Amino acid sequence: MTKVEITSKRKGGNPGGACQVSNYSEEFSAYFKYCYGTHFSNGEASDFNAHNQPVYEAMTFELARRLGLKVPETYVLINKKRNVNFSGWENYDGKDPSGRDFYFVSRIINHPKRVEDDPREKQALEADIPYLNALLISDIIGTRQNYAFEENENGGRITYLDLGCSFVHAKEGYLRLFHKLRINSSKDFKRAMKKLAGKKVISANPERDKIIDLGSLVEEIGFLPISVLNPNGHLEPWNLISYEEIYEAQRHLAQGFLDALPKFRAAGYRV
């Protein structure tokens, strides 16, 4: 059985918080979060499901890794058998988080104390902006607790602690369609993928001289290896969510990549 001991009040804009995860032979500090509803406006249609939001966020983190951004280890905690034991929530005036299929879990990492107005941090953030734009998550830049800066011999790198979800936003436990999707039909999607064909960018990771094919990344989104707990291992999105959800995520990602192409080119990241 996996045990989650909650050790703080809610952190951020969604249900969850700091916790201690005991998972078979391993124990580690983490943050967890989940969603419980949708706030879609009248006329907004979507196949996204609030209960699957942890999977969407895990996919976003894996996409960030593929693009070379630095992020902590993340997981989807599976509770379909209702065998995850939550404790400690009553100490923080919270609600019992039990009873959901999935929870998003992110390991807490140690990072240096932030120095105010560090020009190297600003430079590192600016270097990553095209990648954040491509993933539709550049809004995190205004919230400093979402990332940490660590200096190195090349100036420094950003570790993104909280990315949210690329395809659909979550706030106060509710999904919201933050980005207007312009790729609505299969014909639109085919046209978008044709435009993305052959478009490649350099990895954001300066330590790995890697070329990323954007069109292939969109096509492969359903096969991303998602780390899971309870049981431990890796599953693909196809094993966790529906085809309709994956297809909607693909259309959002294709749109984000196409919109970001000029920014990649201007920054010198296009190949």
C-alpha atoms as a PDB file:
ATOM      1  CA  MET A   1       0.000   0.000   0.000  1.00  0.00           C
ATOM      2  CA  THR A   2       1.157   3.529  -0.776  1.00  0.00           C
ATOM      3  CA  LYS A   3       0.839   6.009   2.087  1.00  0.00           C
ATOM      4  CA  VAL A   4       0.640   9.784   1.733  1.00  0.00           C
ATOM      5  CA  GLU A   5       1.066  11.847   4.898  1.00  0.00           C
ATOM      6  CA  ILE A   6       0.003  15.442   4.276  1.00  0.00           C
ATOM      7  CA  THR A   7       2.386  17.907   5.931  1.00  0.00           C
ATOM      8  CA  SER A   8       1.062  21.347   4.960  1.00  0.00           C
ATOM      9  CA  LYS A   9      -1.955  23.386   4.079  1.00  0.00           C
ATOM     10  CA  ARG A  10      -2.907  23.624   0.442  1.00  0.00           C
ATOM     11  CA  LYS A  11      -0.104  24.894  -1.786  1.00  0.00           C
ATOM     12  CA  GLY A  12      -0.860  26.883  -4.913  1.00  0.00           C
ATOM     13  CA  GLY A  13      -4.196  27.236  -6.639  1.00  0.00           C
ATOM     14  CA  ASN A  14      -5.396  23.624  -6.531  1.00  0.00           C
ATOM     15  CA  PRO A  15      -6.224  21.037  -3.867  1.00  0.00           C
ATOM     16  CA  GLY A  16      -3.157  19.286  -2.491  1.00  0.00           C
ATOM     17  CA  GLY A  17      -0.010  20.345  -0.674  1.00  0.00           C
ATOM     18  CA  ALA A  18       3.275  19.133   0.712  1.00  0.00           C
ATOM     19  CA  CYS A  19       3.397  15.499   1.741  1.00  0.00           C
ATOM     20  CA  GLN A  20       5.552  12.527   2.623  1.00  0.00           C
ATOM     21  CA  VAL A  21       5.088   9.598   0.252  1.00  0.00           C
ATOM     22  CA  SER A  22       5.822   6.061   1.466  1.00  0.00           C
ATOM     23  CA  ASN A  23       5.823   3.769  -1.513  1.00  0.00           C
ATOM     24  CA  TYR A  24       6.940   0.194  -0.845  1.00  0.00           C
ATOM     25  CA  SER A  25      10.636   0.466   0.106  1.00  0.00           C
ATOM     26  CA  GLU A  26      10.999   4.192  -0.678  1.00  0.00           C
ATOM     27  CA  GLU A  27       9.981   7.336   1.166  1.00  0.00           C
ATOM     28  CA  PHE A  28      10.323  10.880  -0.164  1.00  0.00           C
ATOM     29  CA  SER A  29       9.038  14.433   0.246  1.00  0.00           C
ATOM     30  CA  ALA A  30       6.745  15.717  -2.466  1.00  0.00           C
ATOM     31  CA  TYR A  31       3.892  17.950  -3.483  1.00  0.00           C
ATOM     32  CA  PHE A  32       0.632  16.436  -4.666  1.00  0.00           C
ATOM     33  CA  LYS A  33      -2.412  17.901  -6.360  1.00  0.00           C
ATOM     34  CA  TYR A  34      -5.648  16.927  -8.070  1.00  0.00           C
ATOM     35  CA  CYS A  35      -8.818  18.412  -9.577  1.00  0.00           C
ATOM     36  CA  TYR A  36     -12.493  17.717  -9.019  1.00  0.00           C
ATOM     37  CA  GLY A  37     -14.530  19.674 -11.552  1.00  0.00           C
ATOM     38  CA  THR A  38     -14.747  21.733 -14.739  1.00  0.00           C
ATOM     39  CA  HIS A  39     -15.621  25.369 -15.342  1.00  0.00           C
ATOM     40  CA  PHE A  40     -16.138  25.479 -19.091  1.00  0.00           C
ATOM     41  CA  SER A  41     -18.025  28.455 -20.503  1.00  0.00           C
ATOM     42  CA  ASN A  42     -21.247  28.033 -22.432  1.00  0.00           C
ATOM     43  CA  GLY A  43     -20.433  26.811 -25.905  1.00  0.00           C
ATOM     44  CA  GLU A  44     -17.009  25.449 -24.920  1.00  0.00           C
ATOM     45  CA  ALA A  45     -16.674  21.799 -25.878  1.00  0.00           C
ATOM     46  CA  SER A  46     -13.866  19.593 -24.625  1.00  0.00           C
ATOM     47  CA  ASP A  47     -13.072  15.947 -23.971  1.00  0.00           C
ATOM     48  CA  PHE A  48     -10.788  16.852 -21.071  1.00  0.00           C
ATOM     49  CA  ASN A  49     -11.848  15.333 -17.754  1.00  0.00           C
ATOM     50  CA  ALA A  50     -11.039  16.948 -14.397  1.00  0.00           C
ATOM     51  CA  HIS A  51     -10.308  13.581 -12.786  1.00  0.00           C
ATOM     52  CA  ASN A  52      -7.580  12.968 -15.382  1.00  0.00           C
ATOM     53  CA  GLN A  53      -5.850  16.330 -14.849  1.00  0.00           C
ATOM     54  CA  PRO A  54      -2.896  14.673 -13.039  1.00  0.00           C
ATOM     55  CA  VAL A  55      -2.185  12.712 -16.227  1.00  0.00           C
ATOM     56  CA  TYR A  56      -2.288  15.893 -18.327  1.00  0.00           C
ATOM     57  CA  GLU A  57       0.178  17.579 -15.976  1.00  0.00           C
ATOM     58  CA  ALA A  58       2.517  14.576 -16.017  1.00  0.00           C
ATOM     59  CA  MET A  59       2.410  14.670 -19.826  1.00  0.00           C
ATOM     60  CA  THR A  60       3.333  18.365 -19.734  1.00  0.00           C
ATOM     61  CA  PHE A  61       6.355  17.684 -17.532  1.00  0.00           C
ATOM     62  CA  GLU A  62       7.490  14.871 -19.825  1.00  0.00           C
ATOM     63  CA  LEU A  63       7.126  17.142 -22.861  1.00  0.00           C
ATOM     64  CA  ALA A  64       9.225  19.751 -21.047  1.00  0.00           C
ATOM     65  CA  ARG A  65      11.907  17.112 -20.463  1.00  0.00           C
ATOM     66  CA  ARG A  66      11.823  16.180 -24.149  1.00  0.00           C
ATOM     67  CA  LEU A  67      12.420  19.821 -25.069  1.00  0.00           C
ATOM     68  CA  GLY A  68      15.381  19.949 -22.686  1.00  0.00           C
ATOM     69  CA  LEU A  69      13.888  21.962 -19.827  1.00  0.00           C
ATOM     70  CA  LYS A  70      14.982  20.995 -16.321  1.00  0.00           C
ATOM     71  CA  VAL A  71      12.205  19.671 -14.077  1.00  0.00           C
ATOM     72  CA  PRO A  72      11.970  17.468 -10.964  1.00  0.00           C
ATOM     73  CA  GLU A  73      10.867  13.852 -10.980  1.00  0.00           C
ATOM     74  CA  THR A  74       7.097  13.611 -11.362  1.00  0.00           C
ATOM     75  CA  TYR A  75       4.555  10.824 -11.135  1.00  0.00           C
ATOM     76  CA  VAL A  76       0.928   9.906 -11.488  1.00  0.00           C
ATOM     77  CA  LEU A  77      -0.193   8.230  -8.269  1.00  0.00           C
ATOM     78  CA  ILE A  78      -2.809   5.626  -9.207  1.00  0.00           C
ATOM     79  CA  ASN A  79      -5.678   4.971  -6.803  1.00  0.00           C
ATOM     80  CA  LYS A  80      -8.195   3.071  -8.916  1.00  0.00           C
ATOM     81  CA  LYS A  81      -8.266   0.266  -6.351  1.00  0.00           C
ATOM     82  CA  ARG A  82      -8.703   2.834  -3.551  1.00  0.00           C
ATOM     83  CA  ASN A  83      -5.630   1.453  -1.828  1.00  0.00           C
ATOM     84  CA  VAL A  84      -3.748   4.735  -1.262  1.00  0.00           C
ATOM     85  CA  ASN A  85      -3.875   5.729   2.399  1.00  0.00           C
ATOM     86  CA  PHE A  86      -4.027   9.482   3.078  1.00  0.00           C
ATOM     87  CA  SER A  87      -3.365  10.851   6.556  1.00  0.00           C
ATOM     88  CA  GLY A  88      -2.686  14.196   8.199  1.00  0.00           C
ATOM     89  CA  TRP A  89      -5.151  16.251   6.151  1.00  0.00           C
ATOM     90  CA  GLU A  90      -7.336  16.862   9.203  1.00  0.00           C
ATOM     91  CA  ASN A  91      -4.432  18.724  10.862  1.00  0.00           C
ATOM     92  CA  TYR A  92      -4.553  21.458   8.220  1.00  0.00           C
ATOM     93  CA  ASP A  93      -8.285  22.177   7.973  1.00  0.00           C
ATOM     94  CA  GLY A  94      -8.335  20.342   4.685  1.00  0.00           C
ATOM     95  CA  LYS A  95     -10.665  17.875   3.045  1.00  0.00           C
ATOM     96  CA  ASP A  96      -9.992  14.176   2.763  1.00  0.00           C
ATOM     97  CA  PRO A  97      -8.369  13.753  -0.690  1.00  0.00           C
ATOM     98  CA  SER A  98      -9.206  10.045  -0.890  1.00  0.00           C
ATOM     99  CA  GLY A  99     -11.471   8.585  -3.531  1.00  0.00           C
ATOM    100  CA  ARG A 100      -9.876   9.806  -6.755  1.00  0.00           C
ATOM    101  CA  ASP A 101      -8.341   7.716  -9.507  1.00  0.00           C
ATOM    102  CA  PHE A 102      -5.229   9.867 -10.050  1.00  0.00           C
ATOM    103  CA  TYR A 103      -3.042  12.362  -8.190  1.00  0.00           C
ATOM    104  CA  PHE A 104      -0.110  14.326  -9.576  1.00  0.00           C
ATOM    105  CA  VAL A 105       3.053  13.964  -7.465  1.00  0.00           C
ATOM    106  CA  SER A 106       6.246  16.010  -7.797  1.00  0.00           C
ATOM    107  CA  ARG A 107       9.386  15.331  -5.762  1.00  0.00           C
ATOM    108  CA  ILE A 108      10.594  18.214  -3.636  1.00  0.00           C
ATOM    109  CA  ILE A 109      14.154  19.130  -4.575  1.00  0.00           C
ATOM    110  CA  ASN A 110      16.656  21.217  -2.650  1.00  0.00           C
ATOM    111  CA  HIS A 111      17.650  24.406  -4.399  1.00  0.00           C
ATOM    112  CA  PRO A 112      19.743  27.442  -3.467  1.00  0.00           C
ATOM    113  CA  LYS A 113      18.156  30.415  -1.761  1.00  0.00           C
ATOM    114  CA  ARG A 114      16.998  32.911  -4.353  1.00  0.00           C
ATOM    115  CA  VAL A 115      18.959  36.118  -4.821  1.00  0.00           C
ATOM    116  CA  GLU A 116      16.739  39.054  -5.695  1.00  0.00           C
ATOM    117  CA  ASP A 117      17.223  40.590  -9.134  1.00  0.00           C
ATOM    118  CA  ASP A 118      19.937  38.174 -10.246  1.00  0.00           C
ATOM    119  CA  PRO A 119      20.650  39.090 -13.897  1.00  0.00           C
ATOM    120  CA  ARG A 120      21.788  35.532 -14.609  1.00  0.00           C
ATOM    121  CA  GLU A 121      18.379  34.218 -13.583  1.00  0.00           C
ATOM    122  CA  LYS A 122      16.677  36.672 -15.912  1.00  0.00           C
ATOM    123  CA  GLN A 123      18.983  35.629 -18.758  1.00  0.00           C
ATOM    124  CA  ALA A 124      18.302  31.924 -18.145  1.00  0.00           C
ATOM    125  CA  LEU A 125      14.542  32.525 -18.111  1.00  0.00           C
ATOM    126  CA  GLU A 126      14.649  34.515 -21.326  1.00  0.00           C
ATOM    127  CA  ALA A 127      16.571  31.690 -23.013  1.00  0.00           C
ATOM    128  CA  ASP A 128      13.778  29.247 -22.106  1.00  0.00           C
ATOM    129  CA  ILE A 129      10.828  31.426 -23.119  1.00  0.00           C
ATOM    130  CA  PRO A 130      10.419  29.989 -26.663  1.00  0.00           C
ATOM    131  CA  TYR A 131      10.112  26.487 -25.184  1.00  0.00           C
ATOM    132  CA  LEU A 132       7.617  27.646 -22.546  1.00  0.00           C
ATOM    133  CA  ASN A 133       5.615  29.412 -25.246  1.00  0.00           C
ATOM    134  CA  ALA A 134       5.594  26.260 -27.354  1.00  0.00           C
ATOM    135  CA  LEU A 135       4.145  24.300 -24.425  1.00  0.00           C
ATOM    136  CA  LEU A 136       1.579  27.047 -23.684  1.00  0.00           C
ATOM    137  CA  ILE A 137       2.917  27.545 -20.150  1.00  0.00           C
ATOM    138  CA  SER A 138       4.872  30.807 -20.356  1.00  0.00           C
ATOM    139  CA  ASP A 139       2.463  32.364 -17.824  1.00  0.00           C
ATOM    140  CA  ILE A 140       4.389  30.620 -15.012  1.00  0.00           C
ATOM    141  CA  ILE A 141       7.210  33.156 -15.368  1.00  0.00           C
ATOM    142  CA  GLY A 142       5.317  35.738 -13.335  1.00  0.00           C
ATOM    143  CA  THR A 143       5.101  33.418 -10.308  1.00  0.00           C
ATOM    144  CA  ARG A 144       8.570  32.968  -8.849  1.00  0.00           C
ATOM    145  CA  GLN A 145       7.726  30.017  -6.598  1.00  0.00           C
ATOM    146  CA  ASN A 146       7.156  28.033  -9.800  1.00  0.00           C
ATOM    147  CA  TYR A 147      10.866  27.830 -10.589  1.00  0.00           C
ATOM    148  CA  ALA A 148      14.330  27.904  -9.025  1.00  0.00           C
ATOM    149  CA  PHE A 149      17.637  29.193 -10.365  1.00  0.00           C
ATOM    150  CA  GLU A 150      20.993  27.520  -9.828  1.00  0.00           C
ATOM    151  CA  GLU A 151      24.220  29.008 -11.095  1.00  0.00           C
ATOM    152  CA  ASN A 152      26.799  26.974 -12.998  1.00  0.00           C
ATOM    153  CA  GLU A 153      29.888  27.534 -15.125  1.00  0.00           C
ATOM    154  CA  ASN A 154      27.692  28.680 -18.033  1.00  0.00           C
ATOM    155  CA  GLY A 155      25.766  31.205 -15.955  1.00  0.00           C
ATOM    156  CA  GLY A 156      22.951  29.080 -14.603  1.00  0.00           C
ATOM    157  CA  ARG A 157      19.855  27.009 -15.307  1.00  0.00           C
ATOM    158  CA  ILE A 158      16.229  27.167 -14.270  1.00  0.00           C
ATOM    159  CA  THR A 159      14.485  24.199 -12.679  1.00  0.00           C
ATOM    160  CA  TYR A 160      10.735  24.398 -13.252  1.00  0.00           C
ATOM    161  CA  LEU A 161       9.011  23.190 -10.091  1.00  0.00           C
ATOM    162  CA  ASP A 162       5.415  23.755 -11.166  1.00  0.00           C
ATOM    163  CA  LEU A 163       4.433  23.934 -14.835  1.00  0.00           C
ATOM    164  CA  GLY A 164       0.711  23.365 -14.588  1.00  0.00           C
ATOM    165  CA  CYS A 165      -0.803  21.752 -17.655  1.00  0.00           C
ATOM    166  CA  SER A 166      -0.061  22.639 -21.246  1.00  0.00           C
ATOM    167  CA  PHE A 167      -3.431  21.760 -22.765  1.00  0.00           C
ATOM    168  CA  VAL A 168      -5.980  22.882 -20.182  1.00  0.00           C
ATOM    169  CA  HIS A 169      -5.523  25.019 -17.086  1.00  0.00           C
ATOM    170  CA  ALA A 170      -6.571  24.084 -13.553  1.00  0.00           C
ATOM    171  CA  LYS A 171      -7.442  26.628 -10.886  1.00  0.00           C
ATOM    172  CA  GLU A 172      -9.083  26.127  -7.504  1.00  0.00           C
ATOM    173  CA  GLY A 173      -9.649  22.491  -8.430  1.00  0.00           C
ATOM    174  CA  TYR A 174     -11.469  23.221 -11.695  1.00  0.00           C
ATOM    175  CA  LEU A 175     -10.391  22.781 -15.306  1.00  0.00           C
ATOM    176  CA  ARG A 176     -10.627  25.831 -17.546  1.00  0.00           C
ATOM    177  CA  LEU A 177     -10.017  26.153 -21.279  1.00  0.00           C
ATOM    178  CA  PHE A 178      -7.420  28.890 -21.150  1.00  0.00           C
ATOM    179  CA  HIS A 179      -6.257  28.634 -24.778  1.00  0.00           C
ATOM    180  CA  LYS A 180      -8.679  29.011 -27.665  1.00  0.00           C
ATOM    181  CA  LEU A 181      -8.165  26.012 -29.913  1.00  0.00           C
ATOM    182  CA  ARG A 182      -8.049  26.925 -33.596  1.00  0.00           C
ATOM    183  CA  ILE A 183      -7.304  23.392 -34.836  1.00  0.00           C
ATOM    184  CA  ASN A 184     -10.815  21.987 -34.567  1.00  0.00           C
ATOM    185  CA  SER A 185     -11.283  19.446 -37.353  1.00  0.00           C
ATOM    186  CA  SER A 186      -9.252  16.499 -38.596  1.00  0.00           C
ATOM    187  CA  LYS A 187      -8.596  18.525 -41.746  1.00  0.00           C
ATOM    188  CA  ASP A 188      -7.237  21.383 -39.622  1.00  0.00           C
ATOM    189  CA  PHE A 189      -5.006  18.946 -37.759  1.00  0.00           C
ATOM    190  CA  LYS A 190      -3.640  17.385 -40.952  1.00  0.00           C
ATOM    191  CA  ARG A 191      -2.898  20.849 -42.293  1.00  0.00           C
ATOM    192  CA  ALA A 192      -1.121  21.816 -39.054  1.00  0.00           C
ATOM    193  CA  MET A 193       0.949  18.637 -39.044  1.00  0.00           C
ATOM    194  CA  LYS A 194       1.944  19.271 -42.648  1.00  0.00           C
ATOM    195  CA  LYS A 195       3.243  22.696 -41.607  1.00  0.00           C
ATOM    196  CA  LEU A 196       5.161  21.113 -38.718  1.00  0.00           C
ATOM    197  CA  ALA A 197       6.730  18.415 -40.907  1.00  0.00           C
ATOM    198  CA  GLY A 198      10.508  18.707 -40.815  1.00  0.00           C
ATOM    199  CA  LYS A 199      10.501  21.533 -38.250  1.00  0.00           C
ATOM    200  CA  LYS A 200      13.296  20.893 -35.768  1.00  0.00           C
ATOM    201  CA  VAL A 201      14.689  22.813 -32.809  1.00  0.00           C
ATOM    202  CA  ILE A 202      17.748  22.536 -30.582  1.00  0.00           C
ATOM    203  CA  SER A 203      17.233  21.151 -27.079  1.00  0.00           C
ATOM    204  CA  ALA A 204      16.997  23.703 -24.268  1.00  0.00           C
ATOM    205  CA  ASN A 205      19.543  21.637 -22.346  1.00  0.00           C
ATOM    206  CA  PRO A 206      22.984  23.104 -23.108  1.00  0.00           C
ATOM    207  CA  GLU A 207      24.630  19.910 -21.871  1.00  0.00           C
ATOM    208  CA  ARG A 208      22.947  17.781 -24.540  1.00  0.00           C
ATOM    209  CA  ASP A 209      23.430  18.720 -28.182  1.00  0.00           C
ATOM    210  CA  LYS A 210      20.134  17.218 -29.294  1.00  0.00           C
ATOM    211  CA  ILE A 211      17.764  17.961 -32.172  1.00  0.00           C
ATOM    212  CA  ILE A 212      14.017  17.680 -31.538  1.00  0.00           C
ATOM    213  CA  ASP A 213      11.524  17.049 -34.330  1.00  0.00           C
ATOM    214  CA  LEU A 214       8.403  18.982 -33.306  1.00  0.00           C
ATOM    215  CA  GLY A 215       6.003  17.116 -35.581  1.00  0.00           C
ATOM    216  CA  SER A 216       7.200  13.759 -34.294  1.00  0.00           C
ATOM    217  CA  LEU A 217       6.765  14.929 -30.704  1.00  0.00           C
ATOM    218  CA  VAL A 218       3.120  15.792 -31.392  1.00  0.00           C
ATOM    219  CA  GLU A 219       2.550  12.406 -33.018  1.00  0.00           C
ATOM    220  CA  GLU A 220       4.192  10.550 -30.134  1.00  0.00           C
ATOM    221  CA  ILE A 221       2.360  12.275 -27.287  1.00  0.00           C
ATOM    222  CA  GLY A 222       0.215   9.219 -26.591  1.00  0.00           C
ATOM    223  CA  PHE A 223       3.355   7.120 -26.127  1.00  0.00           C
ATOM    224  CA  LEU A 224       5.229   9.343 -23.663  1.00  0.00           C
ATOM    225  CA  PRO A 225       6.595   7.289 -20.738  1.00  0.00           C
ATOM    226  CA  ILE A 226       4.718   8.511 -17.668  1.00  0.00           C
ATOM    227  CA  SER A 227       6.207   7.490 -14.316  1.00  0.00           C
ATOM    228  CA  VAL A 228       3.529   6.022 -12.055  1.00  0.00           C
ATOM    229  CA  LEU A 229       3.267   5.000  -8.408  1.00  0.00           C
ATOM    230  CA  ASN A 230       1.070   2.241  -6.966  1.00  0.00           C
ATOM    231  CA  PRO A 231       2.166   0.176  -8.828  1.00  0.00           C
ATOM    232  CA  ASN A 232       5.604   1.546  -9.663  1.00  0.00           C
ATOM    233  CA  GLY A 233       6.728   1.744 -13.257  1.00  0.00           C
ATOM    234  CA  HIS A 234       5.879   3.541 -16.477  1.00  0.00           C
ATOM    235  CA  LEU A 235       2.645   3.730 -18.426  1.00  0.00           C
ATOM    236  CA  GLU A 236       1.770   5.556 -21.618  1.00  0.00           C
ATOM    237  CA  PRO A 237      -1.078   8.078 -21.808  1.00  0.00           C
ATOM    238  CA  TRP A 238      -2.927   5.557 -23.996  1.00  0.00           C
ATOM    239  CA  ASN A 239      -3.114   3.326 -20.899  1.00  0.00           C
ATOM    240  CA  LEU A 240      -4.515   6.091 -18.701  1.00  0.00           C
ATOM    241  CA  ILE A 241      -6.822   8.358 -20.707  1.00  0.00           C
ATOM    242  CA  SER A 242      -9.013   8.198 -23.800  1.00  0.00           C
ATOM    243  CA  TYR A 243      -8.136   8.626 -27.462  1.00  0.00           C
ATOM    244  CA  GLU A 244     -10.328  11.754 -27.549  1.00  0.00           C
ATOM    245  CA  GLU A 245      -8.337  13.381 -24.746  1.00  0.00           C
ATOM    246  CA  ILE A 246      -5.022  12.563 -26.418  1.00  0.00           C
ATOM    247  CA  TYR A 247      -6.238  13.891 -29.766  1.00  0.00           C
ATOM    248  CA  GLU A 248      -7.351  17.151 -28.152  1.00  0.00           C
ATOM    249  CA  ALA A 249      -3.957  17.438 -26.447  1.00  0.00           C
ATOM    250  CA  GLN A 250      -2.230  16.848 -29.800  1.00  0.00           C
ATOM    251  CA  ARG A 251      -4.174  19.692 -31.405  1.00  0.00           C
ATOM    252  CA  HIS A 252      -3.287  22.104 -28.594  1.00  0.00           C
ATOM    253  CA  LEU A 253       0.368  21.093 -28.791  1.00  0.00           C
ATOM    254  CA  ALA A 254       0.512  21.420 -32.591  1.00  0.00           C
ATOM    255  CA  GLN A 255      -0.994  24.893 -32.302  1.00  0.00           C
ATOM    256  CA  GLY A 256       1.508  25.885 -29.606  1.00  0.00           C
ATOM    257  CA  PHE A 257       4.445  24.611 -31.654  1.00  0.00           C
ATOM    258  CA  LEU A 258       3.323  26.418 -34.800  1.00  0.00           C
ATOM    259  CA  ASP A 259       2.791  29.689 -32.940  1.00  0.00           C
ATOM    260  CA  ALA A 260       6.242  29.364 -31.346  1.00  0.00           C
ATOM    261  CA  LEU A 261       8.169  28.772 -34.591  1.00  0.00           C
ATOM    262  CA  PRO A 262       8.956  32.483 -35.151  1.00  0.00           C
ATOM    263  CA  LYS A 263      10.206  32.757 -31.554  1.00  0.00           C
ATOM    264  CA  PHE A 264      12.416  29.685 -31.977  1.00  0.00           C
ATOM    265  CA  ARG A 265      13.803  31.185 -35.185  1.00  0.00           C
ATOM    266  CA  ALA A 266      14.426  34.601 -33.618  1.00  0.00           C
ATOM    267  CA  ALA A 267      16.277  32.987 -30.702  1.00  0.00           C
ATOM    268  CA  GLY A 268      18.449  30.911 -33.037  1.00  0.00           C
ATOM    269  CA  TYR A 269      16.980  27.589 -31.876  1.00  0.00           C
ATOM    270  CA  ARG A 270      15.585  26.482 -35.243  1.00  0.00           C
ATOM    271  CA  VAL A 271      17.662  23.984 -37.208  1.00  0.00           C
END
